[in-house]
Amino acid sequence: MAGAVLKVKQEGDALRCASSSDSFDSVFLTSYFRLDEDLGHVLATIAKDDVINRAIQKFYGLRLVRQDSWECLASFVLATNSNIPRIKRMVSAVCTKYGASIEFEGEVYHSFPTPEALSGAATSDLVSCGLGYRAPFLKKVAKTVVEGRVDFSALSSLGYEESHRLLLAELFGEKLLLGVGPKVADCVLLYSFGKDESFPIDVWIARVLSKWYPRLLGPTLSRRFKADKKAKLSERDYEKVSRRVRSHFGRYAGYAQQYLFAAAREEIV
């Protein structure tokens, strides 16, 4: 939420929260952290094999979130072809330069910039935030949102397939959202719009699939990812693999992705 700070700490089964705004109440927190969902039911639905079961056992309690749509979209545009430390640096730099200052408990924080602030920013200034080639992409996406050419309410109401196509759409022969490919679209739909069947496929997940789910990746792609850790999926291959994985894990495939990603990072699988 713009203009406010929220600090959260887990103590046992409880969340201890402190905020600069009364708007961050129990209703907001329950919605944001998706505490209103039956996690046991969700995990039982995706528990298809020993691999995902190991991940669930290790990271039980891991949940998806309902992030602000604009913040989620912009953040994942910055996340393309990058690692987590660099993504954090880029987001922090953009917030510091273009976000509103908020003082809380003796410290200064910065909110995530509005699309208006970023659409009006000079590309060179965005580059100075360490964005590199992503700078014009972020500016273009912000401008597209400001002009009302991205209908977030439509994304919420459409099914997964339709909303995914909308994020990848073109307008007058030009890609509507520069920097948004199939994986970014899946991330936005999963973490902001509740399309729980979305299954973002990055290099970590592709390696997990090649090792433990070669049938879903396909023999040719499995061999490629085993031989080359930097291999990438074409949009056509991404669509094929996504369809197979979503069929395998079902309506909560996105939760399976989250647990498999965490397990891959910790070398559990």
Protein backbone atom coordinates (compact mmCIF):
# COMPACT_ATOMS: atom_id res chain seq x y z
CA MET A 1 0.00 0.00 0.00
CA ALA A 2 1.44 3.36 -1.06
CA GLY A 3 2.62 5.70 1.65
CA ALA A 4 2.88 3.22 4.50
CA VAL A 5 5.39 0.92 6.16
CA LEU A 6 4.66 -2.56 7.47
CA LYS A 7 7.03 -4.65 9.58
CA VAL A 8 6.18 -8.31 10.07
CA LYS A 9 7.89 -10.91 12.23
CA GLN A 10 6.78 -14.49 12.72
CA GLU A 11 6.89 -15.84 16.27
CA GLY A 12 5.73 -19.42 16.32
CA ASP A 13 2.27 -19.48 14.78
CA ALA A 14 1.74 -15.75 15.28
CA LEU A 15 2.62 -12.73 13.17
CA ARG A 16 3.81 -9.68 15.08
CA CYS A 17 3.14 -6.55 13.05
CA ALA A 18 3.95 -2.85 13.33
CA SER A 19 2.77 -0.31 10.80
CA SER A 20 2.74 3.39 10.05
CA SER A 21 -0.87 3.13 8.87
CA ASP A 22 -4.11 1.88 10.42
CA SER A 23 -4.99 0.53 6.98
CA PHE A 24 -2.66 -2.39 7.61
CA ASP A 25 -5.16 -4.16 9.82
CA SER A 26 -5.92 -7.87 10.26
CA VAL A 27 -8.21 -7.84 7.21
CA PHE A 28 -5.44 -6.49 4.98
CA LEU A 29 -2.82 -8.87 6.37
CA THR A 30 -5.11 -11.88 6.01
CA SER A 31 -5.72 -11.01 2.38
CA TYR A 32 -2.12 -10.06 1.50
CA PHE A 33 -0.57 -13.21 2.99
CA ARG A 34 -3.53 -15.33 1.83
CA LEU A 35 -4.15 -16.59 5.34
CA ASP A 36 -7.81 -17.06 4.43
CA GLU A 37 -6.95 -20.13 2.35
CA ASP A 38 -6.88 -23.76 3.47
CA LEU A 39 -3.19 -24.43 2.92
CA GLY A 40 -3.54 -28.07 3.93
CA HIS A 41 -6.07 -28.64 1.15
CA VAL A 42 -3.90 -26.82 -1.39
CA LEU A 43 -0.81 -28.85 -0.57
CA ALA A 44 -2.72 -32.13 -0.52
CA THR A 45 -3.88 -31.30 -4.05
CA ILE A 46 -0.36 -30.83 -5.43
CA ALA A 47 1.26 -33.72 -3.49
CA LYS A 48 1.65 -35.88 -6.59
CA ASP A 49 5.03 -37.55 -6.00
CA ASP A 50 8.03 -37.93 -3.69
CA VAL A 51 9.83 -34.90 -5.12
CA ILE A 52 7.13 -32.36 -4.35
CA ASN A 53 6.39 -34.13 -1.06
CA ARG A 54 9.98 -33.56 0.09
CA ALA A 55 9.68 -29.89 -0.79
CA ILE A 56 6.36 -29.59 1.07
CA GLN A 57 7.76 -31.31 4.14
CA LYS A 58 10.79 -29.00 4.22
CA PHE A 59 8.97 -25.72 3.57
CA TYR A 60 5.52 -26.40 4.97
CA GLY A 61 3.76 -23.10 5.66
CA LEU A 62 5.14 -21.31 2.60
CA ARG A 63 2.33 -19.29 1.02
CA LEU A 64 1.76 -17.14 -2.02
CA VAL A 65 0.86 -13.46 -1.62
CA ARG A 66 -1.59 -11.02 -3.17
CA GLN A 67 0.71 -8.19 -4.21
CA ASP A 68 -0.37 -4.83 -5.60
CA SER A 69 -0.86 -5.28 -9.36
CA TRP A 70 1.25 -2.33 -10.53
CA GLU A 71 4.08 -3.04 -8.10
CA CYS A 72 4.10 -6.70 -9.07
CA LEU A 73 4.16 -5.99 -12.81
CA ALA A 74 6.92 -3.38 -12.57
CA SER A 75 9.06 -5.49 -10.22
CA PHE A 76 9.01 -8.51 -12.51
CA VAL A 77 9.90 -6.36 -15.52
CA LEU A 78 13.03 -5.46 -13.54
CA ALA A 79 13.58 -9.11 -12.61
CA THR A 80 14.15 -10.33 -16.17
CA ASN A 81 17.50 -12.05 -16.68
CA SER A 82 18.75 -11.09 -13.23
CA ASN A 83 19.44 -12.60 -9.83
CA ILE A 84 17.75 -11.87 -6.52
CA PRO A 85 20.47 -9.58 -5.03
CA ARG A 86 20.54 -7.41 -8.15
CA ILE A 87 16.72 -7.29 -8.33
CA LYS A 88 16.67 -6.03 -4.73
CA ARG A 89 19.23 -3.34 -5.58
CA MET A 90 17.29 -2.18 -8.64
CA VAL A 91 13.95 -2.02 -6.80
CA SER A 92 15.57 -0.21 -3.86
CA ALA A 93 17.25 2.34 -6.15
CA VAL A 94 14.04 3.05 -8.06
CA CYS A 95 12.06 3.44 -4.83
CA THR A 96 14.67 5.77 -3.33
CA LYS A 97 14.76 7.98 -6.42
CA TYR A 98 11.08 8.05 -7.36
CA GLY A 99 9.09 6.86 -4.35
CA ALA A 100 7.59 8.90 -1.53
CA SER A 101 9.59 9.21 1.70
CA ILE A 102 8.04 7.70 4.81
CA GLU A 103 9.41 8.10 8.34
CA PHE A 104 8.66 5.29 10.76
CA GLU A 105 10.27 4.38 14.06
CA GLY A 106 13.19 6.73 13.44
CA GLU A 107 14.01 5.43 9.96
CA VAL A 108 13.25 6.67 6.45
CA TYR A 109 11.63 4.34 3.94
CA HIS A 110 10.47 4.87 0.36
CA SER A 111 7.27 3.65 -1.22
CA PHE A 112 7.16 1.92 -4.59
CA PRO A 113 6.92 4.62 -7.31
CA THR A 114 3.62 5.29 -9.04
CA PRO A 115 3.35 4.56 -12.77
CA GLU A 116 3.00 8.32 -13.30
CA ALA A 117 6.37 8.96 -11.64
CA LEU A 118 8.16 6.35 -13.75
CA SER A 119 6.44 7.20 -17.03
CA GLY A 120 7.72 10.76 -16.69
CA ALA A 121 11.25 9.75 -15.72
CA ALA A 122 14.15 10.25 -18.11
CA THR A 123 15.46 6.93 -19.44
CA SER A 124 19.01 8.01 -18.55
CA ASP A 125 17.94 8.56 -14.92
CA LEU A 126 16.40 5.09 -14.81
CA VAL A 127 19.63 3.65 -16.23
CA SER A 128 21.51 5.38 -13.41
CA CYS A 129 19.47 3.24 -10.99
CA GLY A 130 21.27 0.21 -12.38
CA LEU A 131 18.42 -0.97 -14.61
CA GLY A 132 20.49 -1.32 -17.78
CA TYR A 133 18.43 -2.37 -20.81
CA ARG A 134 15.36 -2.70 -18.56
CA ALA A 135 15.09 1.10 -18.18
CA PRO A 136 13.13 1.77 -21.40
CA PHE A 137 11.01 -1.32 -20.74
CA LEU A 138 9.98 -0.06 -17.30
CA LYS A 139 9.26 3.43 -18.63
CA LYS A 140 7.16 2.02 -21.47
CA VAL A 141 5.19 -0.27 -19.16
CA ALA A 142 4.54 2.62 -16.78
CA LYS A 143 3.33 4.81 -19.66
CA THR A 144 1.05 2.02 -20.90
CA VAL A 145 -0.52 1.73 -17.46
CA VAL A 146 -0.94 5.51 -17.11
CA GLU A 147 -2.66 5.66 -20.51
CA GLY A 148 -5.13 3.01 -19.34
CA ARG A 149 -4.14 0.43 -21.93
CA VAL A 150 -3.70 -2.25 -19.26
CA ASP A 151 -7.00 -3.21 -17.68
CA PHE A 152 -6.12 -4.75 -14.32
CA SER A 153 -9.79 -5.38 -13.52
CA ALA A 154 -10.12 -7.41 -16.71
CA LEU A 155 -7.11 -9.51 -15.74
CA SER A 156 -8.80 -10.30 -12.43
CA SER A 157 -12.03 -11.44 -14.04
CA LEU A 158 -10.60 -13.43 -16.95
CA GLY A 159 -9.47 -17.04 -16.76
CA TYR A 160 -5.80 -17.99 -16.81
CA GLU A 161 -5.44 -18.55 -20.56
CA GLU A 162 -7.19 -15.31 -21.51
CA SER A 163 -5.34 -13.18 -18.96
CA HIS A 164 -1.99 -14.66 -20.01
CA ARG A 165 -2.68 -13.81 -23.65
CA LEU A 166 -3.72 -10.29 -22.66
CA LEU A 167 -0.40 -9.62 -20.91
CA LEU A 168 1.48 -10.81 -24.00
CA ALA A 169 -0.75 -8.94 -26.46
CA GLU A 170 0.27 -6.50 -29.15
CA LEU A 171 -1.37 -3.19 -29.99
CA PHE A 172 -1.08 -1.81 -33.50
CA GLY A 173 1.67 -4.29 -34.29
CA GLU A 174 3.75 -3.33 -31.24
CA LYS A 175 4.11 -5.35 -28.06
CA LEU A 176 1.84 -3.73 -25.48
CA LEU A 177 4.05 -4.45 -22.46
CA LEU A 178 7.74 -4.39 -23.33
CA GLY A 179 9.77 -6.73 -21.15
CA VAL A 180 6.80 -8.98 -20.40
CA GLY A 181 7.33 -12.48 -21.73
CA PRO A 182 5.58 -15.73 -20.77
CA LYS A 183 7.46 -16.16 -17.48
CA VAL A 184 6.90 -12.57 -16.31
CA ALA A 185 3.23 -12.85 -17.27
CA ASP A 186 2.93 -16.04 -15.20
CA CYS A 187 4.60 -14.37 -12.21
CA VAL A 188 2.25 -11.38 -12.33
CA LEU A 189 -0.82 -13.59 -12.66
CA LEU A 190 0.30 -15.83 -9.81
CA TYR A 191 1.46 -13.26 -7.27
CA SER A 192 -1.09 -10.54 -7.91
CA PHE A 193 -4.17 -11.88 -9.68
CA GLY A 194 -4.68 -15.21 -7.94
CA LYS A 195 -4.29 -17.35 -11.06
CA ASP A 196 -2.99 -20.25 -9.00
CA GLU A 197 -2.52 -22.53 -12.00
CA SER A 198 0.22 -20.19 -13.29
CA PHE A 199 3.57 -21.98 -13.24
CA PRO A 200 6.49 -19.58 -13.91
CA ILE A 201 9.38 -21.44 -15.52
CA ASP A 202 12.84 -19.98 -14.96
CA VAL A 203 16.24 -21.69 -15.12
CA TRP A 204 15.86 -23.09 -11.59
CA ILE A 205 12.53 -24.70 -12.38
CA ALA A 206 13.72 -25.91 -15.79
CA ARG A 207 16.59 -27.74 -14.05
CA VAL A 208 14.17 -29.32 -11.57
CA LEU A 209 11.96 -30.46 -14.44
CA SER A 210 14.88 -31.86 -16.42
CA LYS A 211 16.06 -33.85 -13.40
CA TRP A 212 12.81 -35.04 -11.82
CA TYR A 213 10.06 -34.46 -14.37
CA PRO A 214 11.65 -35.13 -17.79
CA ARG A 215 8.30 -36.32 -19.13
CA LEU A 216 6.86 -32.85 -18.58
CA LEU A 217 9.82 -31.06 -20.11
CA GLY A 218 10.16 -33.51 -22.99
CA PRO A 219 13.24 -35.58 -23.95
CA THR A 220 14.86 -32.99 -26.23
CA LEU A 221 14.52 -30.13 -23.75
CA SER A 222 15.56 -32.35 -20.85
CA ARG A 223 18.82 -33.22 -22.59
CA ARG A 224 19.41 -29.57 -23.44
CA PHE A 225 18.97 -28.34 -19.86
CA LYS A 226 21.08 -31.13 -18.44
CA ALA A 227 23.90 -30.24 -20.84
CA ASP A 228 23.62 -26.44 -20.61
CA LYS A 229 22.71 -24.71 -17.35
CA LYS A 230 22.12 -21.45 -19.22
CA ALA A 231 19.69 -22.93 -21.75
CA LYS A 232 16.41 -21.06 -22.27
CA LEU A 233 12.94 -21.95 -23.44
CA SER A 234 11.51 -20.45 -26.59
CA GLU A 235 8.01 -19.00 -26.21
CA ARG A 236 6.62 -21.98 -28.10
CA ASP A 237 8.42 -24.49 -25.87
CA TYR A 238 7.43 -22.52 -22.77
CA GLU A 239 3.77 -22.81 -23.75
CA LYS A 240 4.06 -26.56 -24.29
CA VAL A 241 5.84 -27.22 -21.00
CA SER A 242 3.49 -24.91 -19.11
CA ARG A 243 0.49 -26.80 -20.41
CA ARG A 244 1.95 -30.16 -19.35
CA VAL A 245 2.96 -28.96 -15.89
CA ARG A 246 -0.40 -27.34 -15.23
CA SER A 247 -2.12 -30.54 -16.28
CA HIS A 248 0.12 -32.53 -13.91
CA PHE A 249 -0.20 -30.39 -10.78
CA GLY A 250 -3.70 -29.04 -11.40
CA ARG A 251 -5.38 -25.83 -10.26
CA TYR A 252 -2.69 -25.07 -7.65
CA ALA A 253 0.31 -25.59 -9.92
CA GLY A 254 1.65 -22.21 -8.81
CA TYR A 255 2.01 -23.49 -5.26
CA ALA A 256 3.94 -26.48 -6.60
CA GLN A 257 6.25 -24.08 -8.42
CA GLN A 258 6.85 -22.11 -5.23
CA TYR A 259 7.78 -25.18 -3.22
CA LEU A 260 9.95 -26.67 -5.98
CA PHE A 261 11.74 -23.32 -6.44
CA ALA A 262 12.49 -23.08 -2.71
CA ALA A 263 13.70 -26.68 -2.67
CA ALA A 264 15.93 -26.12 -5.70
CA ARG A 265 17.50 -23.04 -4.11
CA GLU A 266 18.27 -25.02 -0.97
CA GLU A 267 19.39 -28.06 -3.02
CA ILE A 268 16.73 -30.24 -1.43
CA VAL A 269 15.75 -31.55 -4.86
